[in-house]
Amino acid sequence: MSLIILSSHQGYNAEEAHNIESANSFTNYFSNTFVIEPDSEVALISVNCSRETGQGNGEEAYVRLNGFGLFQTYNGATSQQSKIIGAFLRDTTNGGHSGPIFTQISAPIYLALRNPEEIHLNQLSVDLVDADEILVQDLDLDSPTRVVLHVRKRQK
């Protein structure tokens, strides 16, 4: 799996990442520290993965960022604080119960990171979860999987 972070001030080279993989979550270790400016926001841009099996199309999965400081969202399904930054349908591009999934977010929603100081990242952990924040089991993360985020200075 790979995580690509887009920034208007700094680029991220996916070739430099060393990825630790597990069945439904991953941690990217960056060879260089990625610096996020104070008072920034983040949005999910796209998810590209593959579905092994499933009960049918139309089910949602969610992208959760772990260990990101003050950043929080609210999960209405569990009525608890969360770190979910976006959702995508587990619909395959071929319309079947298995196959490739590609979701491009046409109108990304930016969420404030609430970071009063710079954040220096040398790793970032991402989970693909269901509405109850349980790791999804039907995605084949051994196939090429990519999550793209955009980080920018907060627009006021």
N, C-alpha and C. Protein backbone atom coordinates (compact mmCIF):
# COMPACT_ATOMS: atom_id res chain seq x y z
N MET A 1 0.84 -1.17 0.00
CA MET A 1 0.00 0.00 0.00
C MET A 1 0.87 1.22 0.00
N SER A 2 0.36 2.29 -0.57
CA SER A 2 1.11 3.53 -0.50
C SER A 2 0.19 4.67 -0.13
N LEU A 3 0.77 5.62 0.54
CA LEU A 3 0.08 6.82 0.97
C LEU A 3 0.78 7.97 0.29
N ILE A 4 0.01 8.81 -0.40
CA ILE A 4 0.58 9.97 -1.06
C ILE A 4 -0.02 11.20 -0.40
N ILE A 5 0.84 12.09 0.06
CA ILE A 5 0.39 13.33 0.67
C ILE A 5 0.75 14.45 -0.29
N LEU A 6 -0.25 15.17 -0.76
CA LEU A 6 -0.03 16.31 -1.63
C LEU A 6 -0.04 17.57 -0.79
N SER A 7 0.88 18.47 -1.09
CA SER A 7 0.96 19.73 -0.37
C SER A 7 1.28 20.82 -1.36
N SER A 8 0.77 22.00 -1.13
CA SER A 8 1.05 23.10 -2.05
C SER A 8 2.48 23.61 -1.88
N HIS A 9 3.14 23.25 -0.77
CA HIS A 9 4.49 23.75 -0.52
C HIS A 9 5.57 22.68 -0.59
N GLN A 10 5.20 21.43 -0.31
CA GLN A 10 6.19 20.37 -0.29
C GLN A 10 5.66 19.19 -1.06
N GLY A 11 6.51 18.56 -1.82
CA GLY A 11 6.11 17.35 -2.53
C GLY A 11 6.41 16.12 -1.71
N TYR A 12 5.79 15.04 -2.06
CA TYR A 12 6.05 13.76 -1.42
C TYR A 12 6.31 12.74 -2.51
N ASN A 13 7.42 12.06 -2.42
CA ASN A 13 7.79 11.08 -3.42
C ASN A 13 7.45 9.69 -2.89
N ALA A 14 6.46 9.05 -3.50
CA ALA A 14 6.02 7.73 -3.04
C ALA A 14 7.14 6.71 -3.11
N GLU A 15 8.11 6.92 -4.01
CA GLU A 15 9.24 5.99 -4.14
C GLU A 15 10.08 5.97 -2.86
N GLU A 16 10.02 7.04 -2.06
CA GLU A 16 10.85 7.13 -0.86
C GLU A 16 10.23 6.43 0.34
N ALA A 17 8.97 6.04 0.22
CA ALA A 17 8.28 5.45 1.38
C ALA A 17 8.61 3.98 1.53
N HIS A 18 8.73 3.56 2.77
CA HIS A 18 8.86 2.15 3.09
C HIS A 18 7.57 1.76 3.78
N ASN A 19 6.82 0.88 3.18
CA ASN A 19 5.47 0.58 3.66
C ASN A 19 5.45 -0.70 4.47
N ILE A 20 4.83 -0.64 5.64
CA ILE A 20 4.58 -1.81 6.46
C ILE A 20 3.12 -2.17 6.24
N GLU A 21 2.85 -3.38 5.77
CA GLU A 21 1.48 -3.75 5.40
C GLU A 21 0.90 -4.77 6.37
N SER A 22 -0.40 -4.68 6.55
CA SER A 22 -1.16 -5.72 7.22
C SER A 22 -2.47 -5.85 6.46
N ALA A 23 -3.37 -6.65 6.95
CA ALA A 23 -4.58 -6.96 6.19
C ALA A 23 -5.44 -5.74 5.88
N ASN A 24 -5.60 -4.81 6.79
CA ASN A 24 -6.55 -3.72 6.57
C ASN A 24 -6.05 -2.36 6.99
N SER A 25 -4.81 -2.24 7.36
CA SER A 25 -4.28 -0.95 7.74
C SER A 25 -2.80 -0.93 7.38
N PHE A 26 -2.26 0.24 7.35
CA PHE A 26 -0.84 0.32 7.02
C PHE A 26 -0.24 1.55 7.65
N THR A 27 1.07 1.51 7.81
CA THR A 27 1.83 2.63 8.31
C THR A 27 2.90 2.96 7.28
N ASN A 28 2.97 4.20 6.88
CA ASN A 28 4.02 4.65 5.99
C ASN A 28 5.13 5.27 6.83
N TYR A 29 6.35 4.86 6.57
CA TYR A 29 7.51 5.46 7.19
C TYR A 29 8.20 6.28 6.12
N PHE A 30 8.38 7.59 6.35
CA PHE A 30 8.97 8.46 5.36
C PHE A 30 10.47 8.51 5.58
N SER A 31 11.23 8.52 4.48
CA SER A 31 12.68 8.63 4.61
C SER A 31 13.09 10.03 5.04
N ASN A 32 12.26 11.01 4.71
CA ASN A 32 12.47 12.38 5.17
C ASN A 32 11.24 12.79 5.98
N THR A 33 11.45 13.65 6.96
CA THR A 33 10.31 14.12 7.75
C THR A 33 9.43 15.02 6.89
N PHE A 34 8.14 14.78 6.94
CA PHE A 34 7.17 15.59 6.22
C PHE A 34 6.66 16.64 7.19
N VAL A 35 6.78 17.92 6.85
CA VAL A 35 6.41 19.00 7.75
C VAL A 35 5.07 19.58 7.32
N ILE A 36 4.15 19.66 8.27
CA ILE A 36 2.84 20.27 8.04
C ILE A 36 2.83 21.61 8.78
N GLU A 37 2.52 22.66 8.05
CA GLU A 37 2.51 24.01 8.62
C GLU A 37 1.47 24.15 9.73
N PRO A 38 1.68 25.11 10.65
CA PRO A 38 0.67 25.37 11.66
C PRO A 38 -0.65 25.79 11.00
N ASP A 39 -1.76 25.49 11.67
CA ASP A 39 -3.09 25.88 11.22
C ASP A 39 -3.40 25.33 9.82
N SER A 40 -3.24 24.02 9.68
CA SER A 40 -3.47 23.36 8.39
C SER A 40 -4.76 22.55 8.41
N GLU A 41 -5.12 22.07 7.24
CA GLU A 41 -6.30 21.20 7.09
C GLU A 41 -5.96 20.09 6.12
N VAL A 42 -6.73 18.98 6.22
CA VAL A 42 -6.47 17.80 5.41
C VAL A 42 -7.77 17.33 4.76
N ALA A 43 -7.64 16.76 3.56
CA ALA A 43 -8.80 16.19 2.86
C ALA A 43 -8.40 14.89 2.17
N LEU A 44 -9.35 13.98 2.09
CA LEU A 44 -9.17 12.76 1.31
C LEU A 44 -9.43 13.10 -0.15
N ILE A 45 -8.50 12.73 -1.04
CA ILE A 45 -8.61 13.05 -2.46
C ILE A 45 -9.04 11.83 -3.26
N SER A 46 -8.42 10.67 -3.01
CA SER A 46 -8.81 9.47 -3.74
C SER A 46 -8.37 8.21 -3.02
N VAL A 47 -9.05 7.11 -3.36
CA VAL A 47 -8.70 5.77 -2.87
C VAL A 47 -8.73 4.84 -4.07
N ASN A 48 -7.69 4.06 -4.21
CA ASN A 48 -7.58 3.10 -5.29
C ASN A 48 -7.17 1.77 -4.66
N CYS A 49 -8.03 0.76 -4.74
CA CYS A 49 -7.74 -0.54 -4.13
C CYS A 49 -8.49 -1.62 -4.88
N SER A 50 -8.55 -2.80 -4.32
CA SER A 50 -9.23 -3.92 -4.95
C SER A 50 -10.06 -4.66 -3.92
N ARG A 51 -11.21 -5.16 -4.34
CA ARG A 51 -12.12 -5.88 -3.46
C ARG A 51 -12.04 -7.37 -3.78
N GLU A 52 -11.82 -8.18 -2.75
CA GLU A 52 -11.74 -9.63 -2.94
C GLU A 52 -13.12 -10.24 -3.08
N THR A 53 -13.96 -10.04 -2.09
CA THR A 53 -15.31 -10.59 -2.08
C THR A 53 -16.19 -9.61 -1.35
N GLY A 54 -17.47 -9.80 -1.38
CA GLY A 54 -18.34 -8.91 -0.64
C GLY A 54 -19.79 -9.29 -0.81
N GLN A 55 -20.62 -8.67 0.00
CA GLN A 55 -22.05 -8.96 -0.05
C GLN A 55 -22.72 -8.21 -1.19
N GLY A 56 -22.03 -7.30 -1.83
CA GLY A 56 -22.62 -6.52 -2.91
C GLY A 56 -22.10 -5.10 -2.87
N ASN A 57 -22.31 -4.41 -3.96
CA ASN A 57 -21.85 -3.05 -4.04
C ASN A 57 -22.74 -2.12 -3.23
N GLY A 58 -22.29 -0.91 -3.02
CA GLY A 58 -23.06 0.09 -2.29
C GLY A 58 -22.65 0.24 -0.85
N GLU A 59 -21.78 -0.61 -0.35
CA GLU A 59 -21.31 -0.49 1.03
C GLU A 59 -20.20 0.55 1.10
N GLU A 60 -20.20 1.31 2.19
CA GLU A 60 -19.16 2.31 2.36
C GLU A 60 -18.03 1.77 3.22
N ALA A 61 -16.85 2.32 2.97
CA ALA A 61 -15.69 2.13 3.84
C ALA A 61 -15.17 3.53 4.15
N TYR A 62 -14.37 3.64 5.18
CA TYR A 62 -13.91 4.93 5.65
C TYR A 62 -12.41 4.92 5.83
N VAL A 63 -11.79 6.07 5.63
CA VAL A 63 -10.35 6.23 5.83
C VAL A 63 -10.15 6.93 7.16
N ARG A 64 -9.38 6.26 8.05
CA ARG A 64 -9.12 6.80 9.38
C ARG A 64 -7.63 7.06 9.53
N LEU A 65 -7.28 8.27 9.96
CA LEU A 65 -5.89 8.63 10.26
C LEU A 65 -5.68 8.42 11.75
N ASN A 66 -4.60 7.80 12.11
CA ASN A 66 -4.30 7.54 13.52
C ASN A 66 -3.14 8.41 14.00
N GLY A 67 -3.19 8.81 15.25
CA GLY A 67 -2.08 9.53 15.87
C GLY A 67 -1.79 10.87 15.23
N PHE A 68 -2.82 11.68 15.03
CA PHE A 68 -2.63 12.96 14.33
C PHE A 68 -2.93 14.13 15.26
N GLY A 69 -2.50 14.03 16.51
CA GLY A 69 -2.60 15.14 17.43
C GLY A 69 -4.03 15.53 17.79
N LEU A 70 -4.33 16.82 17.71
CA LEU A 70 -5.61 17.37 18.16
C LEU A 70 -6.75 17.10 17.19
N PHE A 71 -6.44 16.66 16.00
CA PHE A 71 -7.43 16.43 14.96
C PHE A 71 -8.47 15.40 15.40
N GLN A 72 -9.76 15.77 15.29
CA GLN A 72 -10.84 14.85 15.63
C GLN A 72 -12.04 15.08 14.73
N THR A 73 -12.78 14.02 14.48
CA THR A 73 -14.07 14.11 13.81
C THR A 73 -15.07 13.40 14.72
N TYR A 74 -16.31 13.34 14.28
CA TYR A 74 -17.35 12.69 15.06
C TYR A 74 -17.98 11.59 14.21
N ASN A 75 -18.07 10.38 14.75
CA ASN A 75 -18.68 9.25 14.05
C ASN A 75 -20.12 9.11 14.55
N GLY A 76 -21.08 9.45 13.68
CA GLY A 76 -22.49 9.39 14.05
C GLY A 76 -22.98 7.97 14.28
N ALA A 77 -22.35 6.98 13.63
CA ALA A 77 -22.78 5.58 13.80
C ALA A 77 -22.45 5.06 15.19
N THR A 78 -21.31 5.51 15.75
CA THR A 78 -20.91 5.04 17.07
C THR A 78 -21.15 6.09 18.16
N SER A 79 -21.52 7.30 17.76
CA SER A 79 -21.71 8.43 18.68
C SER A 79 -20.46 8.70 19.51
N GLN A 80 -19.30 8.63 18.85
CA GLN A 80 -18.03 8.84 19.54
C GLN A 80 -17.10 9.69 18.69
N GLN A 81 -16.09 10.25 19.34
CA GLN A 81 -15.04 10.96 18.63
C GLN A 81 -14.30 9.97 17.75
N SER A 82 -13.75 10.47 16.64
CA SER A 82 -13.11 9.60 15.67
C SER A 82 -11.94 10.32 15.03
N LYS A 83 -11.27 9.64 14.12
CA LYS A 83 -10.22 10.21 13.28
C LYS A 83 -10.51 9.92 11.80
N ILE A 84 -11.78 9.62 11.48
CA ILE A 84 -12.16 9.34 10.09
C ILE A 84 -12.12 10.65 9.31
N ILE A 85 -11.49 10.62 8.12
CA ILE A 85 -11.41 11.83 7.31
C ILE A 85 -12.23 11.77 6.04
N GLY A 86 -12.73 10.60 5.67
CA GLY A 86 -13.52 10.51 4.45
C GLY A 86 -14.06 9.12 4.23
N ALA A 87 -15.00 9.03 3.28
CA ALA A 87 -15.67 7.77 2.97
C ALA A 87 -15.52 7.47 1.49
N PHE A 88 -15.63 6.18 1.17
CA PHE A 88 -15.68 5.78 -0.24
C PHE A 88 -16.56 4.54 -0.35
N LEU A 89 -17.24 4.42 -1.49
CA LEU A 89 -18.05 3.23 -1.74
C LEU A 89 -17.16 2.08 -2.15
N ARG A 90 -17.49 0.92 -1.66
CA ARG A 90 -16.73 -0.28 -2.04
C ARG A 90 -17.31 -0.86 -3.32
N ASP A 91 -17.71 0.00 -4.25
CA ASP A 91 -18.22 -0.44 -5.56
C ASP A 91 -17.05 -0.73 -6.48
N THR A 92 -17.09 -1.88 -7.11
CA THR A 92 -16.04 -2.22 -8.06
C THR A 92 -16.31 -1.52 -9.38
N THR A 93 -15.24 -1.22 -10.10
CA THR A 93 -15.40 -0.54 -11.39
C THR A 93 -16.04 -1.45 -12.43
N ASN A 94 -15.99 -2.77 -12.20
CA ASN A 94 -16.60 -3.70 -13.16
C ASN A 94 -18.02 -4.11 -12.76
N GLY A 95 -18.53 -3.58 -11.63
CA GLY A 95 -19.89 -3.87 -11.20
C GLY A 95 -20.07 -5.21 -10.51
N GLY A 96 -19.01 -5.98 -10.34
CA GLY A 96 -19.11 -7.29 -9.70
C GLY A 96 -18.84 -7.23 -8.20
N HIS A 97 -18.79 -8.38 -7.58
CA HIS A 97 -18.54 -8.48 -6.13
C HIS A 97 -17.05 -8.46 -5.81
N SER A 98 -16.21 -8.57 -6.83
CA SER A 98 -14.78 -8.45 -6.62
C SER A 98 -14.18 -7.70 -7.80
N GLY A 99 -13.04 -7.09 -7.58
CA GLY A 99 -12.38 -6.35 -8.63
C GLY A 99 -11.86 -5.01 -8.15
N PRO A 100 -11.39 -4.20 -9.09
CA PRO A 100 -10.78 -2.91 -8.71
C PRO A 100 -11.81 -1.89 -8.24
N ILE A 101 -11.36 -1.04 -7.31
CA ILE A 101 -12.17 0.07 -6.80
C ILE A 101 -11.35 1.34 -7.00
N PHE A 102 -11.98 2.36 -7.57
CA PHE A 102 -11.32 3.66 -7.67
C PHE A 102 -12.34 4.73 -7.31
N THR A 103 -12.02 5.53 -6.32
CA THR A 103 -12.89 6.63 -5.91
C THR A 103 -12.10 7.91 -5.94
N GLN A 104 -12.56 8.85 -6.74
CA GLN A 104 -12.00 10.20 -6.80
C GLN A 104 -13.02 11.12 -6.14
N ILE A 105 -12.61 11.84 -5.10
CA ILE A 105 -13.52 12.73 -4.39
C ILE A 105 -13.65 14.02 -5.21
N SER A 106 -14.84 14.28 -5.75
CA SER A 106 -15.01 15.44 -6.64
C SER A 106 -15.04 16.76 -5.88
N ALA A 107 -15.52 16.77 -4.66
CA ALA A 107 -15.54 17.98 -3.84
C ALA A 107 -15.00 17.63 -2.47
N PRO A 108 -13.66 17.59 -2.32
CA PRO A 108 -13.07 17.19 -1.04
C PRO A 108 -13.51 18.10 0.10
N ILE A 109 -13.72 17.50 1.27
CA ILE A 109 -14.07 18.25 2.47
C ILE A 109 -12.80 18.35 3.32
N TYR A 110 -12.38 19.56 3.55
CA TYR A 110 -11.16 19.79 4.33
C TYR A 110 -11.51 19.88 5.80
N LEU A 111 -10.73 19.17 6.62
CA LEU A 111 -10.94 19.13 8.05
C LEU A 111 -9.74 19.78 8.75
N ALA A 112 -10.02 20.70 9.66
CA ALA A 112 -8.96 21.41 10.37
C ALA A 112 -8.17 20.45 11.24
N LEU A 113 -6.85 20.54 11.17
CA LEU A 113 -5.99 19.70 12.00
C LEU A 113 -5.82 20.28 13.40
N ARG A 114 -6.15 21.54 13.58
CA ARG A 114 -6.04 22.22 14.88
C ARG A 114 -4.62 22.15 15.43
N ASN A 115 -3.68 22.34 14.54
CA ASN A 115 -2.29 22.27 14.96
C ASN A 115 -1.71 23.68 15.13
N PRO A 116 -1.49 24.12 16.39
CA PRO A 116 -0.94 25.45 16.62
C PRO A 116 0.54 25.55 16.22
N GLU A 117 1.20 24.43 16.11
CA GLU A 117 2.61 24.39 15.72
C GLU A 117 2.79 23.44 14.55
N GLU A 118 3.98 23.47 13.95
CA GLU A 118 4.28 22.53 12.87
C GLU A 118 4.14 21.09 13.36
N ILE A 119 3.70 20.22 12.47
CA ILE A 119 3.70 18.78 12.75
C ILE A 119 4.80 18.17 11.89
N HIS A 120 5.70 17.45 12.53
CA HIS A 120 6.78 16.77 11.82
C HIS A 120 6.45 15.28 11.78
N LEU A 121 6.13 14.78 10.60
CA LEU A 121 5.75 13.37 10.46
C LEU A 121 6.92 12.57 9.91
N ASN A 122 7.20 11.46 10.55
CA ASN A 122 8.10 10.49 9.94
C ASN A 122 7.36 9.17 9.74
N GLN A 123 6.11 9.12 10.20
CA GLN A 123 5.24 7.99 9.92
C GLN A 123 3.79 8.44 10.04
N LEU A 124 2.91 7.72 9.37
CA LEU A 124 1.49 8.01 9.42
C LEU A 124 0.75 6.70 9.26
N SER A 125 -0.15 6.42 10.18
CA SER A 125 -0.90 5.18 10.17
C SER A 125 -2.31 5.44 9.64
N VAL A 126 -2.75 4.61 8.69
CA VAL A 126 -4.05 4.74 8.05
C VAL A 126 -4.78 3.41 8.14
N ASP A 127 -6.07 3.46 8.51
CA ASP A 127 -6.92 2.26 8.53
C ASP A 127 -8.07 2.45 7.56
N LEU A 128 -8.51 1.37 6.95
CA LEU A 128 -9.73 1.34 6.15
C LEU A 128 -10.75 0.57 6.98
N VAL A 129 -11.81 1.27 7.44
CA VAL A 129 -12.73 0.72 8.41
C VAL A 129 -14.18 0.83 7.93
N ASP A 130 -15.08 0.14 8.64
CA ASP A 130 -16.52 0.27 8.35
C ASP A 130 -17.10 1.35 9.27
N ALA A 131 -18.41 1.53 9.25
CA ALA A 131 -19.06 2.59 10.03
C ALA A 131 -18.84 2.43 11.53
N ASP A 132 -18.66 1.19 12.00
CA ASP A 132 -18.41 0.93 13.41
C ASP A 132 -16.93 1.00 13.76
N GLU A 133 -16.12 1.42 12.79
CA GLU A 133 -14.67 1.57 12.91
C GLU A 133 -13.96 0.23 13.15
N ILE A 134 -14.51 -0.82 12.56
CA ILE A 134 -13.87 -2.13 12.54
C ILE A 134 -13.17 -2.26 11.20
N LEU A 135 -11.94 -2.76 11.20
CA LEU A 135 -11.19 -2.90 9.96
C LEU A 135 -11.98 -3.72 8.95
N VAL A 136 -12.09 -3.22 7.72
CA VAL A 136 -12.83 -3.95 6.69
C VAL A 136 -12.05 -5.19 6.27
N GLN A 137 -12.78 -6.24 5.95
CA GLN A 137 -12.15 -7.52 5.66
C GLN A 137 -12.17 -7.90 4.18
N ASP A 138 -12.96 -7.17 3.35
CA ASP A 138 -13.13 -7.62 1.97
C ASP A 138 -12.25 -6.89 0.96
N LEU A 139 -11.32 -6.05 1.42
CA LEU A 139 -10.43 -5.36 0.50
C LEU A 139 -9.12 -6.12 0.42
N ASP A 140 -8.62 -6.27 -0.79
CA ASP A 140 -7.36 -6.98 -1.03
C ASP A 140 -6.23 -5.97 -1.02
N LEU A 141 -5.62 -5.78 0.14
CA LEU A 141 -4.57 -4.78 0.25
C LEU A 141 -3.20 -5.31 -0.17
N ASP A 142 -3.17 -6.57 -0.61
CA ASP A 142 -1.94 -7.07 -1.22
C ASP A 142 -1.82 -6.57 -2.65
N SER A 143 -2.95 -6.19 -3.24
CA SER A 143 -2.93 -5.60 -4.58
C SER A 143 -2.52 -4.14 -4.42
N PRO A 144 -2.13 -3.48 -5.52
CA PRO A 144 -1.75 -2.07 -5.40
C PRO A 144 -2.88 -1.24 -4.79
N THR A 145 -2.59 -0.61 -3.67
CA THR A 145 -3.57 0.20 -2.95
C THR A 145 -2.95 1.56 -2.70
N ARG A 146 -3.73 2.60 -2.97
CA ARG A 146 -3.21 3.96 -2.82
C ARG A 146 -4.27 4.84 -2.19
N VAL A 147 -3.87 5.60 -1.17
CA VAL A 147 -4.71 6.61 -0.53
C VAL A 147 -4.00 7.94 -0.75
N VAL A 148 -4.74 8.93 -1.30
CA VAL A 148 -4.15 10.24 -1.57
C VAL A 148 -4.84 11.28 -0.67
N LEU A 149 -4.01 12.02 0.06
CA LEU A 149 -4.49 13.09 0.94
C LEU A 149 -3.94 14.42 0.44
N HIS A 150 -4.64 15.50 0.72
CA HIS A 150 -4.14 16.83 0.43
C HIS A 150 -4.09 17.62 1.73
N VAL A 151 -2.92 18.18 2.02
CA VAL A 151 -2.74 19.00 3.21
C VAL A 151 -2.42 20.42 2.74
N ARG A 152 -3.11 21.39 3.33
CA ARG A 152 -2.88 22.79 2.95
C ARG A 152 -3.08 23.69 4.16
N LYS A 153 -2.60 24.92 4.04
CA LYS A 153 -2.86 25.93 5.05
C LYS A 153 -4.37 26.16 5.11
N ARG A 154 -4.92 26.26 6.32
CA ARG A 154 -6.37 26.37 6.48
C ARG A 154 -6.91 27.62 5.78
N GLN A 155 -7.97 27.40 5.00
CA GLN A 155 -8.63 28.49 4.30
C GLN A 155 -9.66 29.10 5.22
N LYS A 156 -9.57 30.37 5.48
CA LYS A 156 -10.47 31.03 6.43
C LYS A 156 -11.54 31.82 5.72
